[in-house]
Amino acid sequence: MSEALTPETVRKVARLARIQLTEADVDRFTRQLGQVLGYVEMLSELNTDGVEPLAHPLEIENVLREDEPTPSLSREAALSNSPKSDGKYFLVPQILDAG
């Protein structure tokens, strides 16, 4: 592998994902994720000359309906399923520091 996976990297990813890990988890995930990345790196050694890139392995076509305007929900109907609202807006917990 070009760069070994470190416990610090696992801790950083866990922090970014807001996942709490014990030291045993960090050790286990460092080892397991390192093995996965090693396998992926082995795949990069395959000769892919003449192989066209694929977005999907099967022939597929768009099965979506035509994009046509339809009536929207009223504000009251949209807010009716909200756990919290002030009658005009959805109320959600603040997740960013306002300072």
PDB file of N, CA and C in Angstrom:
ATOM      1  N   MET A   1       0.854  -1.174   0.000  1.00  0.00           N
ATOM      2  CA  MET A   1       0.000   0.000   0.000  1.00  0.00           C
ATOM      3  C   MET A   1       0.891   1.226   0.000  1.00  0.00           C
ATOM      4  N   SER A   2       0.502   2.265  -0.747  1.00  0.00           N
ATOM      5  CA  SER A   2       1.334   3.449  -0.858  1.00  0.00           C
ATOM      6  C   SER A   2       1.436   4.197   0.465  1.00  0.00           C
ATOM      7  N   GLU A   3       0.388   4.205   1.239  1.00  0.00           N
ATOM      8  CA  GLU A   3       0.393   4.894   2.523  1.00  0.00           C
ATOM      9  C   GLU A   3      -0.365   4.029   3.522  1.00  0.00           C
ATOM     10  N   ALA A   4       0.294   3.654   4.608  1.00  0.00           N
ATOM     11  CA  ALA A   4      -0.335   2.775   5.593  1.00  0.00           C
ATOM     12  C   ALA A   4      -1.432   3.534   6.342  1.00  0.00           C
ATOM     13  N   LEU A   5      -2.520   2.863   6.603  1.00  0.00           N
ATOM     14  CA  LEU A   5      -3.606   3.439   7.388  1.00  0.00           C
ATOM     15  C   LEU A   5      -3.162   3.493   8.842  1.00  0.00           C
ATOM     16  N   THR A   6      -3.314   4.643   9.463  1.00  0.00           N
ATOM     17  CA  THR A   6      -2.857   4.812  10.841  1.00  0.00           C
ATOM     18  C   THR A   6      -4.054   4.927  11.782  1.00  0.00           C
ATOM     19  N   PRO A   7      -3.836   4.634  13.060  1.00  0.00           N
ATOM     20  CA  PRO A   7      -4.915   4.829  14.027  1.00  0.00           C
ATOM     21  C   PRO A   7      -5.393   6.285  14.072  1.00  0.00           C
ATOM     22  N   GLU A   8      -4.491   7.235  13.830  1.00  0.00           N
ATOM     23  CA  GLU A   8      -4.884   8.648  13.826  1.00  0.00           C
ATOM     24  C   GLU A   8      -5.879   8.928  12.708  1.00  0.00           C
ATOM     25  N   THR A   9      -5.666   8.300  11.545  1.00  0.00           N
ATOM     26  CA  THR A   9      -6.591   8.482  10.421  1.00  0.00           C
ATOM     27  C   THR A   9      -7.945   7.882  10.761  1.00  0.00           C
ATOM     28  N   VAL A  10      -7.956   6.719  11.388  1.00  0.00           N
ATOM     29  CA  VAL A  10      -9.222   6.083  11.785  1.00  0.00           C
ATOM     30  C   VAL A  10      -9.950   6.971  12.797  1.00  0.00           C
ATOM     31  N   ARG A  11      -9.222   7.530  13.749  1.00  0.00           N
ATOM     32  CA  ARG A  11      -9.843   8.427  14.739  1.00  0.00           C
ATOM     33  C   ARG A  11     -10.426   9.663  14.056  1.00  0.00           C
ATOM     34  N   LYS A  12      -9.688  10.217  13.075  1.00  0.00           N
ATOM     35  CA  LYS A  12     -10.159  11.412  12.370  1.00  0.00           C
ATOM     36  C   LYS A  12     -11.439  11.114  11.600  1.00  0.00           C
ATOM     37  N   VAL A  13     -11.464   9.987  10.889  1.00  0.00           N
ATOM     38  CA  VAL A  13     -12.660   9.617  10.127  1.00  0.00           C
ATOM     39  C   VAL A  13     -13.838   9.384  11.080  1.00  0.00           C
ATOM     40  N   ALA A  14     -13.583   8.729  12.201  1.00  0.00           N
ATOM     41  CA  ALA A  14     -14.645   8.488  13.181  1.00  0.00           C
ATOM     42  C   ALA A  14     -15.174   9.815  13.732  1.00  0.00           C
ATOM     43  N   ARG A  15     -14.271  10.744  13.992  1.00  0.00           N
ATOM     44  CA  ARG A  15     -14.694  12.049  14.508  1.00  0.00           C
ATOM     45  C   ARG A  15     -15.539  12.774  13.463  1.00  0.00           C
ATOM     46  N   LEU A  16     -15.102  12.755  12.207  1.00  0.00           N
ATOM     47  CA  LEU A  16     -15.863  13.411  11.147  1.00  0.00           C
ATOM     48  C   LEU A  16     -17.238  12.774  10.963  1.00  0.00           C
ATOM     49  N   ALA A  17     -17.318  11.450  11.175  1.00  0.00           N
ATOM     50  CA  ALA A  17     -18.592  10.732  11.062  1.00  0.00           C
ATOM     51  C   ALA A  17     -19.390  10.780  12.357  1.00  0.00           C
ATOM     52  N   ARG A  18     -18.812  11.437  13.359  1.00  0.00           N
ATOM     53  CA  ARG A  18     -19.448  11.549  14.686  1.00  0.00           C
ATOM     54  C   ARG A  18     -19.736  10.181  15.286  1.00  0.00           C
ATOM     55  N   ILE A  19     -18.727   9.303  15.193  1.00  0.00           N
ATOM     56  CA  ILE A  19     -18.820   7.960  15.747  1.00  0.00           C
ATOM     57  C   ILE A  19     -17.809   7.848  16.875  1.00  0.00           C
ATOM     58  N   GLN A  20     -18.265   7.402  18.029  1.00  0.00           N
ATOM     59  CA  GLN A  20     -17.351   7.191  19.146  1.00  0.00           C
ATOM     60  C   GLN A  20     -16.752   5.801  19.041  1.00  0.00           C
ATOM     61  N   LEU A  21     -15.419   5.724  19.129  1.00  0.00           N
ATOM     62  CA  LEU A  21     -14.726   4.443  19.075  1.00  0.00           C
ATOM     63  C   LEU A  21     -13.889   4.260  20.326  1.00  0.00           C
ATOM     64  N   THR A  22     -13.863   3.031  20.825  1.00  0.00           N
ATOM     65  CA  THR A  22     -12.946   2.702  21.911  1.00  0.00           C
ATOM     66  C   THR A  22     -11.576   2.452  21.292  1.00  0.00           C
ATOM     67  N   GLU A  23     -10.559   2.365  22.112  1.00  0.00           N
ATOM     68  CA  GLU A  23      -9.216   2.065  21.593  1.00  0.00           C
ATOM     69  C   GLU A  23      -9.188   0.692  20.918  1.00  0.00           C
ATOM     70  N   ALA A  24      -9.961  -0.259  21.458  1.00  0.00           N
ATOM     71  CA  ALA A  24     -10.044  -1.586  20.831  1.00  0.00           C
ATOM     72  C   ALA A  24     -10.672  -1.468  19.436  1.00  0.00           C
ATOM     73  N   ASP A  25     -11.710  -0.606  19.312  1.00  0.00           N
ATOM     74  CA  ASP A  25     -12.332  -0.380  18.008  1.00  0.00           C
ATOM     75  C   ASP A  25     -11.331   0.231  17.032  1.00  0.00           C
ATOM     76  N   VAL A  26     -10.573   1.219  17.502  1.00  0.00           N
ATOM     77  CA  VAL A  26      -9.585   1.878  16.643  1.00  0.00           C
ATOM     78  C   VAL A  26      -8.579   0.855  16.137  1.00  0.00           C
ATOM     79  N   ASP A  27      -8.078   0.004  17.027  1.00  0.00           N
ATOM     80  CA  ASP A  27      -7.113  -1.020  16.618  1.00  0.00           C
ATOM     81  C   ASP A  27      -7.724  -1.981  15.598  1.00  0.00           C
ATOM     82  N   ARG A  28      -8.945  -2.435  15.870  1.00  0.00           N
ATOM     83  CA  ARG A  28      -9.607  -3.397  14.983  1.00  0.00           C
ATOM     84  C   ARG A  28      -9.893  -2.767  13.619  1.00  0.00           C
ATOM     85  N   PHE A  29     -10.432  -1.535  13.608  1.00  0.00           N
ATOM     86  CA  PHE A  29     -10.763  -0.883  12.344  1.00  0.00           C
ATOM     87  C   PHE A  29      -9.516  -0.492  11.569  1.00  0.00           C
ATOM     88  N   THR A  30      -8.444  -0.138  12.253  1.00  0.00           N
ATOM     89  CA  THR A  30      -7.202   0.169  11.554  1.00  0.00           C
ATOM     90  C   THR A  30      -6.736  -1.059  10.786  1.00  0.00           C
ATOM     91  N   ARG A  31      -6.790  -2.205  11.422  1.00  0.00           N
ATOM     92  CA  ARG A  31      -6.366  -3.460  10.797  1.00  0.00           C
ATOM     93  C   ARG A  31      -7.327  -3.847   9.664  1.00  0.00           C
ATOM     94  N   GLN A  32      -8.630  -3.837   9.945  1.00  0.00           N
ATOM     95  CA  GLN A  32      -9.611  -4.269   8.953  1.00  0.00           C
ATOM     96  C   GLN A  32      -9.675  -3.326   7.753  1.00  0.00           C
ATOM     97  N   LEU A  33      -9.716  -2.032   7.999  1.00  0.00           N
ATOM     98  CA  LEU A  33      -9.774  -1.083   6.896  1.00  0.00           C
ATOM     99  C   LEU A  33      -8.479  -1.094   6.097  1.00  0.00           C
ATOM    100  N   GLY A  34      -7.356  -1.335   6.765  1.00  0.00           N
ATOM    101  CA  GLY A  34      -6.083  -1.470   6.062  1.00  0.00           C
ATOM    102  C   GLY A  34      -6.103  -2.646   5.105  1.00  0.00           C
ATOM    103  N   GLN A  35      -6.735  -3.747   5.520  1.00  0.00           N
ATOM    104  CA  GLN A  35      -6.855  -4.914   4.636  1.00  0.00           C
ATOM    105  C   GLN A  35      -7.739  -4.597   3.431  1.00  0.00           C
ATOM    106  N   VAL A  36      -8.842  -3.879   3.656  1.00  0.00           N
ATOM    107  CA  VAL A  36      -9.734  -3.509   2.553  1.00  0.00           C
ATOM    108  C   VAL A  36      -8.992  -2.610   1.569  1.00  0.00           C
ATOM    109  N   LEU A  37      -8.286  -1.613   2.083  1.00  0.00           N
ATOM    110  CA  LEU A  37      -7.546  -0.704   1.201  1.00  0.00           C
ATOM    111  C   LEU A  37      -6.437  -1.437   0.455  1.00  0.00           C
ATOM    112  N   GLY A  38      -5.816  -2.408   1.103  1.00  0.00           N
ATOM    113  CA  GLY A  38      -4.802  -3.217   0.432  1.00  0.00           C
ATOM    114  C   GLY A  38      -5.400  -3.997  -0.722  1.00  0.00           C
ATOM    115  N   TYR A  39      -6.597  -4.533  -0.537  1.00  0.00           N
ATOM    116  CA  TYR A  39      -7.270  -5.275  -1.604  1.00  0.00           C
ATOM    117  C   TYR A  39      -7.617  -4.345  -2.765  1.00  0.00           C
ATOM    118  N   VAL A  40      -8.121  -3.154  -2.449  1.00  0.00           N
ATOM    119  CA  VAL A  40      -8.466  -2.192  -3.495  1.00  0.00           C
ATOM    120  C   VAL A  40      -7.219  -1.797  -4.266  1.00  0.00           C
ATOM    121  N   GLU A  41      -6.111  -1.646  -3.579  1.00  0.00           N
ATOM    122  CA  GLU A  41      -4.861  -1.303  -4.266  1.00  0.00           C
ATOM    123  C   GLU A  41      -4.425  -2.437  -5.198  1.00  0.00           C
ATOM    124  N   MET A  42      -4.660  -3.686  -4.802  1.00  0.00           N
ATOM    125  CA  MET A  42      -4.351  -4.814  -5.692  1.00  0.00           C
ATOM    126  C   MET A  42      -5.151  -4.709  -6.981  1.00  0.00           C
ATOM    127  N   LEU A  43      -6.401  -4.261  -6.878  1.00  0.00           N
ATOM    128  CA  LEU A  43      -7.246  -4.120  -8.068  1.00  0.00           C
ATOM    129  C   LEU A  43      -6.691  -3.062  -9.012  1.00  0.00           C
ATOM    130  N   SER A  44      -6.024  -2.057  -8.470  1.00  0.00           N
ATOM    131  CA  SER A  44      -5.479  -1.007  -9.331  1.00  0.00           C
ATOM    132  C   SER A  44      -4.311  -1.507 -10.176  1.00  0.00           C
ATOM    133  N   GLU A  45      -3.769  -2.679  -9.855  1.00  0.00           N
ATOM    134  CA  GLU A  45      -2.665  -3.240 -10.622  1.00  0.00           C
ATOM    135  C   GLU A  45      -3.134  -3.996 -11.867  1.00  0.00           C
ATOM    136  N   LEU A  46      -4.447  -4.199 -11.996  1.00  0.00           N
ATOM    137  CA  LEU A  46      -4.982  -4.908 -13.150  1.00  0.00           C
ATOM    138  C   LEU A  46      -4.777  -4.100 -14.429  1.00  0.00           C
ATOM    139  N   ASN A  47      -4.512  -4.795 -15.519  1.00  0.00           N
ATOM    140  CA  ASN A  47      -4.369  -4.152 -16.812  1.00  0.00           C
ATOM    141  C   ASN A  47      -5.763  -3.844 -17.347  1.00  0.00           C
ATOM    142  N   THR A  48      -6.075  -2.574 -17.468  1.00  0.00           N
ATOM    143  CA  THR A  48      -7.389  -2.167 -17.956  1.00  0.00           C
ATOM    144  C   THR A  48      -7.298  -1.475 -19.308  1.00  0.00           C
ATOM    145  N   ASP A  49      -6.198  -1.683 -20.028  1.00  0.00           N
ATOM    146  CA  ASP A  49      -6.065  -1.098 -21.369  1.00  0.00           C
ATOM    147  C   ASP A  49      -7.184  -1.626 -22.259  1.00  0.00           C
ATOM    148  N   GLY A  50      -7.852  -0.738 -22.948  1.00  0.00           N
ATOM    149  CA  GLY A  50      -8.917  -1.129 -23.856  1.00  0.00           C
ATOM    150  C   GLY A  50     -10.248  -1.396 -23.177  1.00  0.00           C
ATOM    151  N   VAL A  51     -10.337  -1.205 -21.883  1.00  0.00           N
ATOM    152  CA  VAL A  51     -11.597  -1.412 -21.168  1.00  0.00           C
ATOM    153  C   VAL A  51     -12.230  -0.052 -20.931  1.00  0.00           C
ATOM    154  N   GLU A  52     -13.444   0.113 -21.471  1.00  0.00           N
ATOM    155  CA  GLU A  52     -14.120   1.394 -21.310  1.00  0.00           C
ATOM    156  C   GLU A  52     -14.663   1.526 -19.890  1.00  0.00           C
ATOM    157  N   PRO A  53     -14.571   2.722 -19.302  1.00  0.00           N
ATOM    158  CA  PRO A  53     -15.131   2.934 -17.960  1.00  0.00           C
ATOM    159  C   PRO A  53     -16.643   2.732 -17.968  1.00  0.00           C
ATOM    160  N   LEU A  54     -17.154   2.190 -16.881  1.00  0.00           N
ATOM    161  CA  LEU A  54     -18.591   1.944 -16.754  1.00  0.00           C
ATOM    162  C   LEU A  54     -19.153   2.716 -15.570  1.00  0.00           C
ATOM    163  N   ALA A  55     -20.350   3.193 -15.725  1.00  0.00           N
ATOM    164  CA  ALA A  55     -21.071   3.760 -14.588  1.00  0.00           C
ATOM    165  C   ALA A  55     -21.929   2.672 -13.939  1.00  0.00           C
ATOM    166  N   HIS A  56     -22.234   1.629 -14.724  1.00  0.00           N
ATOM    167  CA  HIS A  56     -23.083   0.544 -14.239  1.00  0.00           C
ATOM    168  C   HIS A  56     -22.760  -0.689 -15.076  1.00  0.00           C
ATOM    169  N   PRO A  57     -22.712  -1.880 -14.484  1.00  0.00           N
ATOM    170  CA  PRO A  57     -22.333  -3.067 -15.251  1.00  0.00           C
ATOM    171  C   PRO A  57     -23.416  -3.580 -16.201  1.00  0.00           C
ATOM    172  N   LEU A  58     -24.640  -3.107 -16.042  1.00  0.00           N
ATOM    173  CA  LEU A  58     -25.741  -3.576 -16.895  1.00  0.00           C
ATOM    174  C   LEU A  58     -26.226  -2.447 -17.788  1.00  0.00           C
ATOM    175  N   GLU A  59     -26.794  -2.837 -18.924  1.00  0.00           N
ATOM    176  CA  GLU A  59     -27.417  -1.838 -19.794  1.00  0.00           C
ATOM    177  C   GLU A  59     -28.691  -1.366 -19.106  1.00  0.00           C
ATOM    178  N   ILE A  60     -28.762  -0.079 -18.835  1.00  0.00           N
ATOM    179  CA  ILE A  60     -29.967   0.460 -18.200  1.00  0.00           C
ATOM    180  C   ILE A  60     -30.398   1.709 -18.959  1.00  0.00           C
ATOM    181  N   GLU A  61     -31.654   2.036 -18.817  1.00  0.00           N
ATOM    182  CA  GLU A  61     -32.137   3.276 -19.399  1.00  0.00           C
ATOM    183  C   GLU A  61     -32.972   3.994 -18.364  1.00  0.00           C
ATOM    184  N   ASN A  62     -33.086   5.277 -18.543  1.00  0.00           N
ATOM    185  CA  ASN A  62     -33.809   6.100 -17.600  1.00  0.00           C
ATOM    186  C   ASN A  62     -35.285   5.698 -17.586  1.00  0.00           C
ATOM    187  N   VAL A  63     -35.803   5.352 -16.433  1.00  0.00           N
ATOM    188  CA  VAL A  63     -37.191   4.933 -16.326  1.00  0.00           C
ATOM    189  C   VAL A  63     -38.027   5.960 -15.562  1.00  0.00           C
ATOM    190  N   LEU A  64     -37.512   7.174 -15.473  1.00  0.00           N
ATOM    191  CA  LEU A  64     -38.238   8.220 -14.762  1.00  0.00           C
ATOM    192  C   LEU A  64     -39.341   8.792 -15.642  1.00  0.00           C
ATOM    193  N   ARG A  65     -40.325   9.320 -15.019  1.00  0.00           N
ATOM    194  CA  ARG A  65     -41.424   9.942 -15.756  1.00  0.00           C
ATOM    195  C   ARG A  65     -40.959  11.270 -16.333  1.00  0.00           C
ATOM    196  N   GLU A  66     -41.747  11.810 -17.220  1.00  0.00           N
ATOM    197  CA  GLU A  66     -41.469  13.135 -17.760  1.00  0.00           C
ATOM    198  C   GLU A  66     -41.551  14.146 -16.630  1.00  0.00           C
ATOM    199  N   ASP A  67     -40.723  15.155 -16.689  1.00  0.00           N
ATOM    200  CA  ASP A  67     -40.693  16.187 -15.662  1.00  0.00           C
ATOM    201  C   ASP A  67     -41.736  17.237 -15.996  1.00  0.00           C
ATOM    202  N   GLU A  68     -42.893  17.115 -15.358  1.00  0.00           N
ATOM    203  CA  GLU A  68     -43.989  18.037 -15.604  1.00  0.00           C
ATOM    204  C   GLU A  68     -44.380  18.721 -14.309  1.00  0.00           C
ATOM    205  N   PRO A  69     -44.686  20.005 -14.374  1.00  0.00           N
ATOM    206  CA  PRO A  69     -45.089  20.717 -13.150  1.00  0.00           C
ATOM    207  C   PRO A  69     -46.377  20.136 -12.580  1.00  0.00           C
ATOM    208  N   THR A  70     -46.421  20.019 -11.267  1.00  0.00           N
ATOM    209  CA  THR A  70     -47.626  19.581 -10.571  1.00  0.00           C
ATOM    210  C   THR A  70     -47.838  20.504  -9.377  1.00  0.00           C
ATOM    211  N   PRO A  71     -49.031  20.541  -8.845  1.00  0.00           N
ATOM    212  CA  PRO A  71     -49.283  21.417  -7.700  1.00  0.00           C
ATOM    213  C   PRO A  71     -48.417  21.003  -6.497  1.00  0.00           C
ATOM    214  N   SER A  72     -47.927  21.987  -5.787  1.00  0.00           N
ATOM    215  CA  SER A  72     -47.119  21.741  -4.594  1.00  0.00           C
ATOM    216  C   SER A  72     -48.008  21.577  -3.375  1.00  0.00           C
ATOM    217  N   LEU A  73     -47.410  21.049  -2.290  1.00  0.00           N
ATOM    218  CA  LEU A  73     -48.136  20.991  -1.022  1.00  0.00           C
ATOM    219  C   LEU A  73     -48.332  22.397  -0.483  1.00  0.00           C
ATOM    220  N   SER A  74     -49.406  22.582   0.224  1.00  0.00           N
ATOM    221  CA  SER A  74     -49.578  23.863   0.914  1.00  0.00           C
ATOM    222  C   SER A  74     -48.599  23.895   2.093  1.00  0.00           C
ATOM    223  N   ARG A  75     -48.313  25.076   2.586  1.00  0.00           N
ATOM    224  CA  ARG A  75     -47.412  25.205   3.736  1.00  0.00           C
ATOM    225  C   ARG A  75     -47.943  24.398   4.921  1.00  0.00           C
ATOM    226  N   GLU A  76     -49.236  24.470   5.165  1.00  0.00           N
ATOM    227  CA  GLU A  76     -49.831  23.756   6.299  1.00  0.00           C
ATOM    228  C   GLU A  76     -49.668  22.248   6.147  1.00  0.00           C
ATOM    229  N   ALA A  77     -49.868  21.732   4.938  1.00  0.00           N
ATOM    230  CA  ALA A  77     -49.732  20.293   4.708  1.00  0.00           C
ATOM    231  C   ALA A  77     -48.282  19.854   4.877  1.00  0.00           C
ATOM    232  N   ALA A  78     -47.353  20.668   4.388  1.00  0.00           N
ATOM    233  CA  ALA A  78     -45.938  20.318   4.521  1.00  0.00           C
ATOM    234  C   ALA A  78     -45.519  20.325   5.982  1.00  0.00           C
ATOM    235  N   LEU A  79     -45.958  21.305   6.743  1.00  0.00           N
ATOM    236  CA  LEU A  79     -45.567  21.417   8.150  1.00  0.00           C
ATOM    237  C   LEU A  79     -46.328  20.451   9.052  1.00  0.00           C
ATOM    238  N   SER A  80     -47.417  19.855   8.562  1.00  0.00           N
ATOM    239  CA  SER A  80     -48.247  19.000   9.417  1.00  0.00           C
ATOM    240  C   SER A  80     -47.508  17.758   9.909  1.00  0.00           C
ATOM    241  N   ASN A  81     -46.519  17.254   9.173  1.00  0.00           N
ATOM    242  CA  ASN A  81     -45.769  16.074   9.591  1.00  0.00           C
ATOM    243  C   ASN A  81     -44.470  16.419  10.306  1.00  0.00           C
ATOM    244  N   SER A  82     -44.214  17.688  10.501  1.00  0.00           N
ATOM    245  CA  SER A  82     -42.975  18.115  11.144  1.00  0.00           C
ATOM    246  C   SER A  82     -43.073  17.948  12.654  1.00  0.00           C
ATOM    247  N   PRO A  83     -42.003  17.399  13.282  1.00  0.00           N
ATOM    248  CA  PRO A  83     -42.044  17.291  14.743  1.00  0.00           C
ATOM    249  C   PRO A  83     -42.139  18.655  15.417  1.00  0.00           C
ATOM    250  N   LYS A  84     -41.508  19.682  14.792  1.00  0.00           N
ATOM    251  CA  LYS A  84     -41.547  21.028  15.361  1.00  0.00           C
ATOM    252  C   LYS A  84     -41.629  22.048  14.238  1.00  0.00           C
ATOM    253  N   SER A  85     -42.498  23.024  14.416  1.00  0.00           N
ATOM    254  CA  SER A  85     -42.574  24.137  13.476  1.00  0.00           C
ATOM    255  C   SER A  85     -43.134  25.333  14.226  1.00  0.00           C
ATOM    256  N   ASP A  86     -42.972  26.487  13.630  1.00  0.00           N
ATOM    257  CA  ASP A  86     -43.564  27.684  14.235  1.00  0.00           C
ATOM    258  C   ASP A  86     -44.771  28.139  13.425  1.00  0.00           C
ATOM    259  N   GLY A  87     -45.293  27.260  12.582  1.00  0.00           N
ATOM    260  CA  GLY A  87     -46.425  27.595  11.737  1.00  0.00           C
ATOM    261  C   GLY A  87     -46.001  28.153  10.390  1.00  0.00           C
ATOM    262  N   LYS A  88     -44.731  28.603  10.303  1.00  0.00           N
ATOM    263  CA  LYS A  88     -44.231  29.153   9.056  1.00  0.00           C
ATOM    264  C   LYS A  88     -43.016  28.386   8.543  1.00  0.00           C
ATOM    265  N   TYR A  89     -42.175  27.908   9.481  1.00  0.00           N
ATOM    266  CA  TYR A  89     -40.933  27.221   9.129  1.00  0.00           C
ATOM    267  C   TYR A  89     -40.790  25.928   9.925  1.00  0.00           C
ATOM    268  N   PHE A  90     -39.984  24.992   9.382  1.00  0.00           N
ATOM    269  CA  PHE A  90     -39.573  23.815  10.144  1.00  0.00           C
ATOM    270  C   PHE A  90     -38.587  24.279  11.205  1.00  0.00           C
ATOM    271  N   LEU A  91     -38.694  23.760  12.417  1.00  0.00           N
ATOM    272  CA  LEU A  91     -37.725  24.072  13.467  1.00  0.00           C
ATOM    273  C   LEU A  91     -36.840  22.864  13.659  1.00  0.00           C
ATOM    274  N   VAL A  92     -35.525  23.075  13.527  1.00  0.00           N
ATOM    275  CA  VAL A  92     -34.557  21.997  13.650  1.00  0.00           C
ATOM    276  C   VAL A  92     -33.480  22.403  14.649  1.00  0.00           C
ATOM    277  N   PRO A  93     -32.782  21.420  15.259  1.00  0.00           N
ATOM    278  CA  PRO A  93     -31.727  21.756  16.202  1.00  0.00           C
ATOM    279  C   PRO A  93     -30.566  22.442  15.476  1.00  0.00           C
ATOM    280  N   GLN A  94     -29.968  23.406  16.149  1.00  0.00           N
ATOM    281  CA  GLN A  94     -28.791  24.083  15.593  1.00  0.00           C
ATOM    282  C   GLN A  94     -27.620  23.128  15.630  1.00  0.00           C
ATOM    283  N   ILE A  95     -26.909  22.981  14.497  1.00  0.00           N
ATOM    284  CA  ILE A  95     -25.757  22.093  14.464  1.00  0.00           C
ATOM    285  C   ILE A  95     -24.453  22.828  14.187  1.00  0.00           C
ATOM    286  N   LEU A  96     -24.542  24.070  13.744  1.00  0.00           N
ATOM    287  CA  LEU A  96     -23.350  24.851  13.476  1.00  0.00           C
ATOM    288  C   LEU A  96     -23.185  25.928  14.542  1.00  0.00           C
ATOM    289  N   ASP A  97     -21.949  26.217  14.868  1.00  0.00           N
ATOM    290  CA  ASP A  97     -21.654  27.257  15.844  1.00  0.00           C
ATOM    291  C   ASP A  97     -21.966  28.613  15.218  1.00  0.00           C
ATOM    292  N   ALA A  98     -22.802  29.383  15.863  1.00  0.00           N
ATOM    293  CA  ALA A  98     -23.192  30.685  15.319  1.00  0.00           C
ATOM    294  C   ALA A  98     -22.092  31.720  15.506  1.00  0.00           C
ATOM    295  N   GLY A  99     -21.074  31.430  16.315  1.00  0.00           N
ATOM    296  CA  GLY A  99     -20.027  32.408  16.618  1.00  0.00           C
ATOM    297  C   GLY A  99     -18.986  32.344  15.638  1.00  0.00           C
TER     298      GLY A  99
END
